Amino acid sequence: MNTTPSTPTTDDTEKKAAAGTAPAPDLTKKAGPAEDAVPGDVAPGVTPSDVTEMDVAATDAAAEDGLEVDLEPDPYTEAEAAAAAGVGTGAAAVVSAGLGVISLSGAWTGRVAAERETLLGQIKTSGGGSAAQQISEIYGDAWHTTALVNGLFALLALLVGVFVLVRPAFGTPSLRPQAGWVRSVAFAGVALGVLGVLISVGMYLDLFVALPSAAGG
């Protein structure tokens, strides 16, 4: 009986080596599509031109959304603008009516101007002069000056009142209509202004009260 151990052959050695050096399984987690994607990659079936069109459409939509937000009116801003415009027109209407009253009752500036003309007339006729000249220089010039000053106030009242009435037709349209009292006061200023202008013209042209004549004196 042969008890000598058998020597492994070359083929057996190669098989064992091949079995011992078998490649280990790849335990690395395969990255998914989201992880493998890099900037510039596109999904399967989508061409670069499609991506460009989608980007442009998204940009236009964002711009339109921003434009709509910017153009949306602010109710608080509009309310403040309407209140400021109402205050301005109301004050102008009151000023128009006040100027109309002054043009009819007379202003202190008119009296001062009339007294100045009277003084100048006295100085001119102090060295002598006819009765007609004295009447014209002392009384007539002062009378005409008063009429001129009152006429200026009446004209201002008329212009300011007309401005208040036509103001809503110009500029930025307001959501609120003009207050009724503002229009009423403005109409009153216009009426007083027209009346003051007519009276002042009549006074200046001596239509209502003629200057005294030297013969009648």
Foldseek 3Di string as FASTA:
>chain_A
DDPDDDDDDPVVVVVVVCVVPPDDDPPDDDDDPVVPDDPPDDDPPDDPVNVVVVVVVVVVVVVVVVVVVVPDDDVVVLVVVVVVVLVVLLVLLLLLLVLLVCLVVDDVVLVVVLVVQLVVLCVVCVVHDDPQSSLCRRPVVSQLSRLVVSLVSLVSSQVSLVCSVCVCVDDDHHPDDHDPVSNVSSVNSNVSSVVSNVVSVCRNVCNPHHGDDPVVD
